[in-house]
Amino acid sequence: MRFSKESMVIKLLLTLLLFTPTLRAKERIITLSPSVNEIVYALGMGKSVVGNTKYCYYPEASQSVSKVGGYFSPSLEKIISLDPTLVIMQNNNHKLNSQLKQLHIKTKMVKIDRLKNIKSSILELGEVFNKKERAMIIVDKINSSLKALKNIVLNKKILIVFGENSTLSKNIFVAGQNLYFDEIIEASDNTNALQSQRKGQPILNMENIISTNPDIVILLAHAMREKGLREKDLIAPWLKLPINASKNATIYVEEKRYAGIPSDRLILFLKDFKEILLDYQKRSLFN
């Protein structure tokens, strides 16, 4: 019995559909932090993101994605309702990770507290999505941006401060040791003004700040305008302190949201950081 060429093609297609286990449904990704969300989009997987947090503002397309809650309080029920094939989170929610695994939902946890972890997380996600080349390009750009910080100014004490502080009477959060901000300062051949065993974002009072005597102060204040504040409102209380940064007027406000989000956009903060060092260098020539 002979088969026509057309019937043979149909038979072959049916065989492939029935017996090829590698055929996959479209990815349905949920990202549970702004950093993770931005990395996933940067790797070209944005169209597969079906859920993220209410703090995921960038890129703009991610704002219209279903929200599953906040950074520390995502809704398990909402996550399940979106039928994800993969949920990606930072390593700060082991309970949720365990719950999702019990429900046979695939998860991926990443660590982005230090530079090496940021870069390795980008590469790991590149492997997951078969976007290794794109991930390597991002990491190479981060490495190049870090190298560009060298030999601008040396051995200066830099203090990085978080939040919109129009007064220094309250507790002030700063970048401590074992955090990528601390490593960026070191990569620029300078030192963190706060030298202690306190990691992450320790709290300082006014007396503590004066004792650090920073040469440069960088104020990370992305919500400044939302709170009706201006740069001079944030800089003013620092100018009253007996520290080198106030004497030399080297207090800078960084209001870009990306400054506090360790993702592929870290290169934008590194560019801004370089501009601050160049400005300090220029001011030093005239002092």
C-alpha atoms as a PDB file:
ATOM      1  CA  MET A   1       0.000   0.000   0.000  1.00  0.00           C
ATOM      2  CA  ARG A   2       1.388   3.364  -1.042  1.00  0.00           C
ATOM      3  CA  PHE A   3       1.044   6.644   0.792  1.00  0.00           C
ATOM      4  CA  SER A   4       0.931  10.011  -0.921  1.00  0.00           C
ATOM      5  CA  LYS A   5       3.655  12.549  -0.067  1.00  0.00           C
ATOM      6  CA  GLU A   6       1.034  14.715   1.671  1.00  0.00           C
ATOM      7  CA  SER A   7      -0.196  11.881   3.911  1.00  0.00           C
ATOM      8  CA  MET A   8       3.394  10.986   4.836  1.00  0.00           C
ATOM      9  CA  VAL A   9       4.049  14.581   5.987  1.00  0.00           C
ATOM     10  CA  ILE A  10       0.873  14.585   8.082  1.00  0.00           C
ATOM     11  CA  LYS A  11       1.836  11.258   9.662  1.00  0.00           C
ATOM     12  CA  LEU A  12       5.309  12.590  10.502  1.00  0.00           C
ATOM     13  CA  LEU A  13       3.887  15.732  12.145  1.00  0.00           C
ATOM     14  CA  LEU A  14       1.474  13.668  14.234  1.00  0.00           C
ATOM     15  CA  THR A  15       4.329  11.421  15.362  1.00  0.00           C
ATOM     16  CA  LEU A  16       6.370  14.457  16.446  1.00  0.00           C
ATOM     17  CA  LEU A  17       3.454  15.882  18.391  1.00  0.00           C
ATOM     18  CA  LEU A  18       2.760  12.601  20.168  1.00  0.00           C
ATOM     19  CA  PHE A  19       6.275  11.458  20.948  1.00  0.00           C
ATOM     20  CA  THR A  20       8.441  14.583  21.344  1.00  0.00           C
ATOM     21  CA  PRO A  21       8.649  15.304  25.101  1.00  0.00           C
ATOM     22  CA  THR A  22      10.825  18.402  24.706  1.00  0.00           C
ATOM     23  CA  LEU A  23       8.036  20.550  23.330  1.00  0.00           C
ATOM     24  CA  ARG A  24       7.374  23.254  25.972  1.00  0.00           C
ATOM     25  CA  ALA A  25       4.546  25.608  26.716  1.00  0.00           C
ATOM     26  CA  LYS A  26       5.364  29.312  26.783  1.00  0.00           C
ATOM     27  CA  GLU A  27       7.185  30.460  29.908  1.00  0.00           C
ATOM     28  CA  ARG A  28       5.053  32.229  32.520  1.00  0.00           C
ATOM     29  CA  ILE A  29       7.466  34.056  34.815  1.00  0.00           C
ATOM     30  CA  ILE A  30       6.806  35.862  38.090  1.00  0.00           C
ATOM     31  CA  THR A  31       9.520  38.194  39.404  1.00  0.00           C
ATOM     32  CA  LEU A  32       9.401  39.048  43.101  1.00  0.00           C
ATOM     33  CA  SER A  33      11.704  42.067  43.309  1.00  0.00           C
ATOM     34  CA  PRO A  34      12.493  45.130  41.162  1.00  0.00           C
ATOM     35  CA  SER A  35      16.082  43.892  40.636  1.00  0.00           C
ATOM     36  CA  VAL A  36      14.993  40.471  39.438  1.00  0.00           C
ATOM     37  CA  ASN A  37      12.293  42.020  37.258  1.00  0.00           C
ATOM     38  CA  GLU A  38      14.759  44.373  35.544  1.00  0.00           C
ATOM     39  CA  ILE A  39      17.292  41.591  34.922  1.00  0.00           C
ATOM     40  CA  VAL A  40      14.644  39.337  33.376  1.00  0.00           C
ATOM     41  CA  TYR A  41      13.540  42.138  31.042  1.00  0.00           C
ATOM     42  CA  ALA A  42      17.167  42.972  30.188  1.00  0.00           C
ATOM     43  CA  LEU A  43      17.680  39.349  29.168  1.00  0.00           C
ATOM     44  CA  GLY A  44      14.844  39.668  26.660  1.00  0.00           C
ATOM     45  CA  MET A  45      12.251  37.679  28.615  1.00  0.00           C
ATOM     46  CA  GLY A  46       9.884  40.543  29.411  1.00  0.00           C
ATOM     47  CA  LYS A  47       7.035  39.195  27.287  1.00  0.00           C
ATOM     48  CA  SER A  48       6.986  36.072  29.464  1.00  0.00           C
ATOM     49  CA  VAL A  49       6.571  37.991  32.731  1.00  0.00           C
ATOM     50  CA  VAL A  50       2.982  37.496  33.953  1.00  0.00           C
ATOM     51  CA  GLY A  51       3.430  38.814  37.493  1.00  0.00           C
ATOM     52  CA  ASN A  52       5.690  41.029  39.586  1.00  0.00           C
ATOM     53  CA  THR A  53       5.551  43.291  42.668  1.00  0.00           C
ATOM     54  CA  LYS A  54       3.955  46.706  43.060  1.00  0.00           C
ATOM     55  CA  TYR A  55       7.459  48.188  43.277  1.00  0.00           C
ATOM     56  CA  CYS A  56       8.468  47.038  39.789  1.00  0.00           C
ATOM     57  CA  TYR A  57       8.414  50.331  37.862  1.00  0.00           C
ATOM     58  CA  TYR A  58      11.010  49.647  35.173  1.00  0.00           C
ATOM     59  CA  PRO A  59      10.827  49.042  32.311  1.00  0.00           C
ATOM     60  CA  GLU A  60       7.521  50.781  31.691  1.00  0.00           C
ATOM     61  CA  ALA A  61       5.945  47.620  30.274  1.00  0.00           C
ATOM     62  CA  SER A  62       6.337  45.903  33.660  1.00  0.00           C
ATOM     63  CA  GLN A  63       3.943  48.405  35.263  1.00  0.00           C
ATOM     64  CA  SER A  64       0.977  46.865  33.454  1.00  0.00           C
ATOM     65  CA  VAL A  65       1.834  43.337  34.616  1.00  0.00           C
ATOM     66  CA  SER A  66      -0.335  41.717  37.326  1.00  0.00           C
ATOM     67  CA  LYS A  67       0.898  42.642  40.817  1.00  0.00           C
ATOM     68  CA  VAL A  68       1.281  39.898  43.417  1.00  0.00           C
ATOM     69  CA  GLY A  69       1.928  42.189  46.392  1.00  0.00           C
ATOM     70  CA  GLY A  70       4.916  43.895  47.941  1.00  0.00           C
ATOM     71  CA  TYR A  71       8.566  42.987  48.161  1.00  0.00           C
ATOM     72  CA  PHE A  72       8.245  41.364  51.594  1.00  0.00           C
ATOM     73  CA  SER A  73       4.587  40.360  51.381  1.00  0.00           C
ATOM     74  CA  PRO A  74       3.729  38.672  48.071  1.00  0.00           C
ATOM     75  CA  SER A  75       0.406  36.842  47.962  1.00  0.00           C
ATOM     76  CA  LEU A  76       0.724  33.071  47.567  1.00  0.00           C
ATOM     77  CA  GLU A  77      -2.861  32.889  46.292  1.00  0.00           C
ATOM     78  CA  LYS A  78      -2.203  35.532  43.636  1.00  0.00           C
ATOM     79  CA  ILE A  79       0.971  33.792  42.518  1.00  0.00           C
ATOM     80  CA  ILE A  80      -0.845  30.461  42.155  1.00  0.00           C
ATOM     81  CA  SER A  81      -3.709  32.098  40.221  1.00  0.00           C
ATOM     82  CA  LEU A  82      -1.248  33.291  37.545  1.00  0.00           C
ATOM     83  CA  ASP A  83      -0.201  29.679  36.832  1.00  0.00           C
ATOM     84  CA  PRO A  84       3.559  30.401  36.612  1.00  0.00           C
ATOM     85  CA  THR A  85       6.132  28.069  35.100  1.00  0.00           C
ATOM     86  CA  LEU A  86       8.863  29.830  37.098  1.00  0.00           C
ATOM     87  CA  VAL A  87       8.933  32.164  40.122  1.00  0.00           C
ATOM     88  CA  ILE A  88      12.182  34.087  40.664  1.00  0.00           C
ATOM     89  CA  MET A  89      12.947  35.738  43.997  1.00  0.00           C
ATOM     90  CA  GLN A  90      15.811  37.030  46.093  1.00  0.00           C
ATOM     91  CA  ASN A  91      17.037  34.852  48.909  1.00  0.00           C
ATOM     92  CA  ASN A  92      14.989  36.631  51.567  1.00  0.00           C
ATOM     93  CA  ASN A  93      11.826  34.547  51.434  1.00  0.00           C
ATOM     94  CA  HIS A  94      12.648  30.913  52.123  1.00  0.00           C
ATOM     95  CA  LYS A  95       9.169  30.248  53.500  1.00  0.00           C
ATOM     96  CA  LEU A  96       7.475  31.239  50.231  1.00  0.00           C
ATOM     97  CA  ASN A  97      10.066  29.284  48.261  1.00  0.00           C
ATOM     98  CA  SER A  98       9.251  26.168  50.303  1.00  0.00           C
ATOM     99  CA  GLN A  99       5.500  26.666  49.867  1.00  0.00           C
ATOM    100  CA  LEU A 100       5.832  26.970  46.089  1.00  0.00           C
ATOM    101  CA  LYS A 101       8.007  23.872  45.860  1.00  0.00           C
ATOM    102  CA  GLN A 102       5.398  21.904  47.815  1.00  0.00           C
ATOM    103  CA  LEU A 103       2.911  22.962  45.152  1.00  0.00           C
ATOM    104  CA  HIS A 104       5.344  21.760  42.452  1.00  0.00           C
ATOM    105  CA  ILE A 105       5.896  25.280  41.154  1.00  0.00           C
ATOM    106  CA  LYS A 106       9.425  25.772  39.860  1.00  0.00           C
ATOM    107  CA  THR A 107      11.413  28.472  41.667  1.00  0.00           C
ATOM    108  CA  LYS A 108      14.767  30.194  41.352  1.00  0.00           C
ATOM    109  CA  MET A 109      16.414  32.124  44.189  1.00  0.00           C
ATOM    110  CA  VAL A 110      19.146  34.689  43.501  1.00  0.00           C
ATOM    111  CA  LYS A 111      21.467  36.686  45.727  1.00  0.00           C
ATOM    112  CA  ILE A 112      22.259  40.303  44.847  1.00  0.00           C
ATOM    113  CA  ASP A 113      23.813  41.822  47.958  1.00  0.00           C
ATOM    114  CA  ARG A 114      27.400  41.989  46.643  1.00  0.00           C
ATOM    115  CA  LEU A 115      28.915  42.698  43.227  1.00  0.00           C
ATOM    116  CA  LYS A 116      30.005  39.115  42.603  1.00  0.00           C
ATOM    117  CA  ASN A 117      26.489  37.904  43.450  1.00  0.00           C
ATOM    118  CA  ILE A 118      24.820  40.468  41.197  1.00  0.00           C
ATOM    119  CA  LYS A 119      26.988  39.375  38.281  1.00  0.00           C
ATOM    120  CA  SER A 120      26.639  35.663  38.979  1.00  0.00           C
ATOM    121  CA  SER A 121      22.836  36.017  39.263  1.00  0.00           C
ATOM    122  CA  ILE A 122      22.693  37.686  35.851  1.00  0.00           C
ATOM    123  CA  LEU A 123      24.769  34.848  34.386  1.00  0.00           C
ATOM    124  CA  GLU A 124      22.671  32.185  36.133  1.00  0.00           C
ATOM    125  CA  LEU A 125      19.439  33.632  34.756  1.00  0.00           C
ATOM    126  CA  GLY A 126      21.114  33.832  31.357  1.00  0.00           C
ATOM    127  CA  GLU A 127      21.649  30.072  31.613  1.00  0.00           C
ATOM    128  CA  VAL A 128      18.059  29.454  32.704  1.00  0.00           C
ATOM    129  CA  PHE A 129      16.627  31.340  29.731  1.00  0.00           C
ATOM    130  CA  ASN A 130      19.309  30.324  27.209  1.00  0.00           C
ATOM    131  CA  LYS A 131      20.408  33.957  27.010  1.00  0.00           C
ATOM    132  CA  LYS A 132      24.039  33.396  27.988  1.00  0.00           C
ATOM    133  CA  GLU A 133      25.514  35.764  25.429  1.00  0.00           C
ATOM    134  CA  ARG A 134      23.237  38.625  26.436  1.00  0.00           C
ATOM    135  CA  ALA A 135      23.995  37.987  30.125  1.00  0.00           C
ATOM    136  CA  MET A 136      27.739  38.062  29.461  1.00  0.00           C
ATOM    137  CA  ILE A 137      27.436  41.397  27.635  1.00  0.00           C
ATOM    138  CA  ILE A 138      25.664  42.902  30.668  1.00  0.00           C
ATOM    139  CA  VAL A 139      28.330  41.591  33.066  1.00  0.00           C
ATOM    140  CA  ASP A 140      31.131  42.848  30.822  1.00  0.00           C
ATOM    141  CA  LYS A 141      29.576  46.335  30.856  1.00  0.00           C
ATOM    142  CA  ILE A 142      29.403  46.274  34.660  1.00  0.00           C
ATOM    143  CA  ASN A 143      33.069  45.249  34.866  1.00  0.00           C
ATOM    144  CA  SER A 144      34.104  48.000  32.431  1.00  0.00           C
ATOM    145  CA  SER A 145      32.129  50.593  34.395  1.00  0.00           C
ATOM    146  CA  LEU A 146      33.850  49.529  37.614  1.00  0.00           C
ATOM    147  CA  LYS A 147      37.297  49.831  36.017  1.00  0.00           C
ATOM    148  CA  ALA A 148      36.416  53.334  34.816  1.00  0.00           C
ATOM    149  CA  LEU A 149      36.181  54.494  38.450  1.00  0.00           C
ATOM    150  CA  LYS A 150      39.874  54.002  39.130  1.00  0.00           C
ATOM    151  CA  ASN A 151      42.522  56.732  39.431  1.00  0.00           C
ATOM    152  CA  ILE A 152      40.103  59.671  39.573  1.00  0.00           C
ATOM    153  CA  VAL A 153      40.496  60.462  43.263  1.00  0.00           C
ATOM    154  CA  LEU A 154      42.305  58.297  45.812  1.00  0.00           C
ATOM    155  CA  ASN A 155      41.928  57.431  49.488  1.00  0.00           C
ATOM    156  CA  LYS A 156      38.910  59.627  50.124  1.00  0.00           C
ATOM    157  CA  LYS A 157      36.249  58.687  52.658  1.00  0.00           C
ATOM    158  CA  ILE A 158      32.848  58.331  51.038  1.00  0.00           C
ATOM    159  CA  LEU A 159      29.549  58.003  52.906  1.00  0.00           C
ATOM    160  CA  ILE A 160      26.473  56.735  51.043  1.00  0.00           C
ATOM    161  CA  VAL A 161      23.188  57.615  52.747  1.00  0.00           C
ATOM    162  CA  PHE A 162      19.698  56.198  52.076  1.00  0.00           C
ATOM    163  CA  GLY A 163      16.452  58.133  52.200  1.00  0.00           C
ATOM    164  CA  GLU A 164      15.083  61.655  52.059  1.00  0.00           C
ATOM    165  CA  ASN A 165      16.442  63.188  55.251  1.00  0.00           C
ATOM    166  CA  SER A 166      15.650  66.891  55.599  1.00  0.00           C
ATOM    167  CA  THR A 167      16.895  66.686  59.194  1.00  0.00           C
ATOM    168  CA  LEU A 168      19.651  64.648  60.812  1.00  0.00           C
ATOM    169  CA  SER A 169      17.930  64.434  64.167  1.00  0.00           C
ATOM    170  CA  LYS A 170      16.439  61.046  63.287  1.00  0.00           C
ATOM    171  CA  ASN A 171      18.226  57.771  62.629  1.00  0.00           C
ATOM    172  CA  ILE A 172      20.144  57.830  59.338  1.00  0.00           C
ATOM    173  CA  PHE A 173      20.567  54.681  57.254  1.00  0.00           C
ATOM    174  CA  VAL A 174      23.921  54.356  55.469  1.00  0.00           C
ATOM    175  CA  ALA A 175      25.789  51.783  53.401  1.00  0.00           C
ATOM    176  CA  GLY A 176      27.806  49.525  55.670  1.00  0.00           C
ATOM    177  CA  GLN A 177      30.223  46.720  54.959  1.00  0.00           C
ATOM    178  CA  ASN A 178      29.482  43.587  52.953  1.00  0.00           C
ATOM    179  CA  LEU A 179      27.185  45.452  50.544  1.00  0.00           C
ATOM    180  CA  TYR A 180      27.739  46.274  46.887  1.00  0.00           C
ATOM    181  CA  PHE A 181      27.875  50.022  47.591  1.00  0.00           C
ATOM    182  CA  ASP A 182      30.842  49.408  49.884  1.00  0.00           C
ATOM    183  CA  GLU A 183      32.525  47.405  47.109  1.00  0.00           C
ATOM    184  CA  ILE A 184      31.909  50.156  44.544  1.00  0.00           C
ATOM    185  CA  ILE A 185      33.682  52.617  46.828  1.00  0.00           C
ATOM    186  CA  GLU A 186      36.598  50.195  47.179  1.00  0.00           C
ATOM    187  CA  ALA A 187      36.703  49.631  43.412  1.00  0.00           C
ATOM    188  CA  SER A 188      37.230  53.377  42.977  1.00  0.00           C
ATOM    189  CA  ASP A 189      40.357  53.213  45.204  1.00  0.00           C
ATOM    190  CA  ASN A 190      38.593  55.033  48.029  1.00  0.00           C
ATOM    191  CA  THR A 191      37.170  53.889  51.376  1.00  0.00           C
ATOM    192  CA  ASN A 192      33.774  53.696  53.006  1.00  0.00           C
ATOM    193  CA  ALA A 193      33.642  56.462  55.622  1.00  0.00           C
ATOM    194  CA  LEU A 194      31.912  53.986  57.939  1.00  0.00           C
ATOM    195  CA  GLN A 195      34.415  51.343  58.976  1.00  0.00           C
ATOM    196  CA  SER A 196      32.744  48.897  61.348  1.00  0.00           C
ATOM    197  CA  GLN A 197      31.508  45.335  61.647  1.00  0.00           C
ATOM    198  CA  ARG A 198      27.979  46.467  60.867  1.00  0.00           C
ATOM    199  CA  LYS A 199      26.803  45.097  57.537  1.00  0.00           C
ATOM    200  CA  GLY A 200      24.035  46.061  55.143  1.00  0.00           C
ATOM    201  CA  GLN A 201      22.378  49.365  56.070  1.00  0.00           C
ATOM    202  CA  PRO A 202      23.352  50.292  59.651  1.00  0.00           C
ATOM    203  CA  ILE A 203      21.817  53.286  61.423  1.00  0.00           C
ATOM    204  CA  LEU A 204      23.906  56.298  62.462  1.00  0.00           C
ATOM    205  CA  ASN A 205      23.072  59.305  64.609  1.00  0.00           C
ATOM    206  CA  MET A 206      24.526  62.771  64.158  1.00  0.00           C
ATOM    207  CA  GLU A 207      27.453  62.061  66.491  1.00  0.00           C
ATOM    208  CA  ASN A 208      28.318  58.901  64.555  1.00  0.00           C
ATOM    209  CA  ILE A 209      28.190  60.804  61.271  1.00  0.00           C
ATOM    210  CA  ILE A 210      30.543  63.506  62.524  1.00  0.00           C
ATOM    211  CA  SER A 211      33.012  60.860  63.722  1.00  0.00           C
ATOM    212  CA  THR A 212      33.190  59.316  60.236  1.00  0.00           C
ATOM    213  CA  ASN A 213      34.194  62.733  58.814  1.00  0.00           C
ATOM    214  CA  PRO A 214      33.489  61.874  55.151  1.00  0.00           C
ATOM    215  CA  ASP A 215      35.147  63.729  52.287  1.00  0.00           C
ATOM    216  CA  ILE A 216      32.204  62.941  50.014  1.00  0.00           C
ATOM    217  CA  VAL A 217      28.562  62.339  50.955  1.00  0.00           C
ATOM    218  CA  ILE A 218      26.157  60.788  48.440  1.00  0.00           C
ATOM    219  CA  LEU A 219      22.454  60.978  49.316  1.00  0.00           C
ATOM    220  CA  LEU A 220      20.324  58.344  47.574  1.00  0.00           C
ATOM    221  CA  ALA A 221      16.864  59.947  47.518  1.00  0.00           C
ATOM    222  CA  HIS A 222      14.693  58.636  44.683  1.00  0.00           C
ATOM    223  CA  ALA A 223      11.454  59.734  46.416  1.00  0.00           C
ATOM    224  CA  MET A 224      12.663  63.302  46.939  1.00  0.00           C
ATOM    225  CA  ARG A 225      10.262  64.987  44.520  1.00  0.00           C
ATOM    226  CA  GLU A 226       7.339  62.781  45.523  1.00  0.00           C
ATOM    227  CA  LYS A 227       7.799  64.121  49.062  1.00  0.00           C
ATOM    228  CA  GLY A 228       7.936  67.718  47.856  1.00  0.00           C
ATOM    229  CA  LEU A 229      11.631  68.129  48.661  1.00  0.00           C
ATOM    230  CA  ARG A 230      14.438  69.769  46.704  1.00  0.00           C
ATOM    231  CA  GLU A 231      18.145  69.024  46.580  1.00  0.00           C
ATOM    232  CA  LYS A 232      18.959  72.009  48.791  1.00  0.00           C
ATOM    233  CA  ASP A 233      16.495  70.737  51.424  1.00  0.00           C
ATOM    234  CA  LEU A 234      18.478  67.507  51.716  1.00  0.00           C
ATOM    235  CA  ILE A 235      21.935  69.079  51.515  1.00  0.00           C
ATOM    236  CA  ALA A 236      21.263  71.914  54.013  1.00  0.00           C
ATOM    237  CA  PRO A 237      21.506  69.878  57.264  1.00  0.00           C
ATOM    238  CA  TRP A 238      24.790  68.316  56.151  1.00  0.00           C
ATOM    239  CA  LEU A 239      26.367  71.717  55.536  1.00  0.00           C
ATOM    240  CA  LYS A 240      25.973  72.479  59.244  1.00  0.00           C
ATOM    241  CA  LEU A 241      28.151  69.542  60.293  1.00  0.00           C
ATOM    242  CA  PRO A 242      31.890  69.889  61.018  1.00  0.00           C
ATOM    243  CA  ILE A 243      32.929  67.400  58.357  1.00  0.00           C
ATOM    244  CA  ASN A 244      35.184  67.665  55.298  1.00  0.00           C
ATOM    245  CA  ALA A 245      32.289  67.175  52.883  1.00  0.00           C
ATOM    246  CA  SER A 246      30.510  70.270  54.200  1.00  0.00           C
ATOM    247  CA  LYS A 247      33.690  72.374  54.181  1.00  0.00           C
ATOM    248  CA  ASN A 248      34.327  71.471  50.537  1.00  0.00           C
ATOM    249  CA  ALA A 249      30.632  71.458  49.509  1.00  0.00           C
ATOM    250  CA  THR A 250      30.996  67.899  48.223  1.00  0.00           C
ATOM    251  CA  ILE A 251      27.567  66.619  49.168  1.00  0.00           C
ATOM    252  CA  TYR A 252      25.660  65.099  46.245  1.00  0.00           C
ATOM    253  CA  VAL A 253      22.053  64.036  45.740  1.00  0.00           C
ATOM    254  CA  GLU A 254      21.334  61.000  43.556  1.00  0.00           C
ATOM    255  CA  GLU A 255      17.592  60.917  42.898  1.00  0.00           C
ATOM    256  CA  LYS A 256      17.478  58.245  40.202  1.00  0.00           C
ATOM    257  CA  ARG A 257      15.537  55.157  41.263  1.00  0.00           C
ATOM    258  CA  TYR A 258      18.064  52.830  39.611  1.00  0.00           C
ATOM    259  CA  ALA A 259      20.697  53.931  42.145  1.00  0.00           C
ATOM    260  CA  GLY A 260      19.212  51.556  44.707  1.00  0.00           C
ATOM    261  CA  ILE A 261      18.351  48.655  42.420  1.00  0.00           C
ATOM    262  CA  PRO A 262      21.156  46.150  41.724  1.00  0.00           C
ATOM    263  CA  SER A 263      20.282  45.013  38.219  1.00  0.00           C
ATOM    264  CA  ASP A 264      21.721  45.502  34.725  1.00  0.00           C
ATOM    265  CA  ARG A 265      21.105  49.235  35.321  1.00  0.00           C
ATOM    266  CA  LEU A 266      23.891  49.226  37.887  1.00  0.00           C
ATOM    267  CA  ILE A 267      26.033  50.632  35.073  1.00  0.00           C
ATOM    268  CA  LEU A 268      23.926  53.828  35.178  1.00  0.00           C
ATOM    269  CA  PHE A 269      24.658  54.333  38.869  1.00  0.00           C
ATOM    270  CA  LEU A 270      28.349  53.615  38.238  1.00  0.00           C
ATOM    271  CA  LYS A 271      28.326  56.329  35.575  1.00  0.00           C
ATOM    272  CA  ASP A 272      26.754  58.785  38.049  1.00  0.00           C
ATOM    273  CA  PHE A 273      29.259  57.748  40.717  1.00  0.00           C
ATOM    274  CA  LYS A 274      32.089  58.463  38.284  1.00  0.00           C
ATOM    275  CA  GLU A 275      30.669  61.942  37.598  1.00  0.00           C
ATOM    276  CA  ILE A 276      30.670  62.633  41.338  1.00  0.00           C
ATOM    277  CA  LEU A 277      34.342  61.608  41.586  1.00  0.00           C
ATOM    278  CA  LEU A 278      35.210  63.809  38.608  1.00  0.00           C
ATOM    279  CA  ASP A 279      33.417  66.761  40.197  1.00  0.00           C
ATOM    280  CA  TYR A 280      35.303  66.215  43.463  1.00  0.00           C
ATOM    281  CA  GLN A 281      38.571  66.063  41.512  1.00  0.00           C
ATOM    282  CA  LYS A 282      37.765  69.356  39.794  1.00  0.00           C
ATOM    283  CA  ARG A 283      36.845  71.048  43.071  1.00  0.00           C
ATOM    284  CA  SER A 284      40.069  69.818  44.650  1.00  0.00           C
ATOM    285  CA  LEU A 285      42.112  71.625  42.006  1.00  0.00           C
ATOM    286  CA  PHE A 286      40.653  74.955  43.090  1.00  0.00           C
ATOM    287  CA  ASN A 287      40.887  74.395  46.866  1.00  0.00           C
END
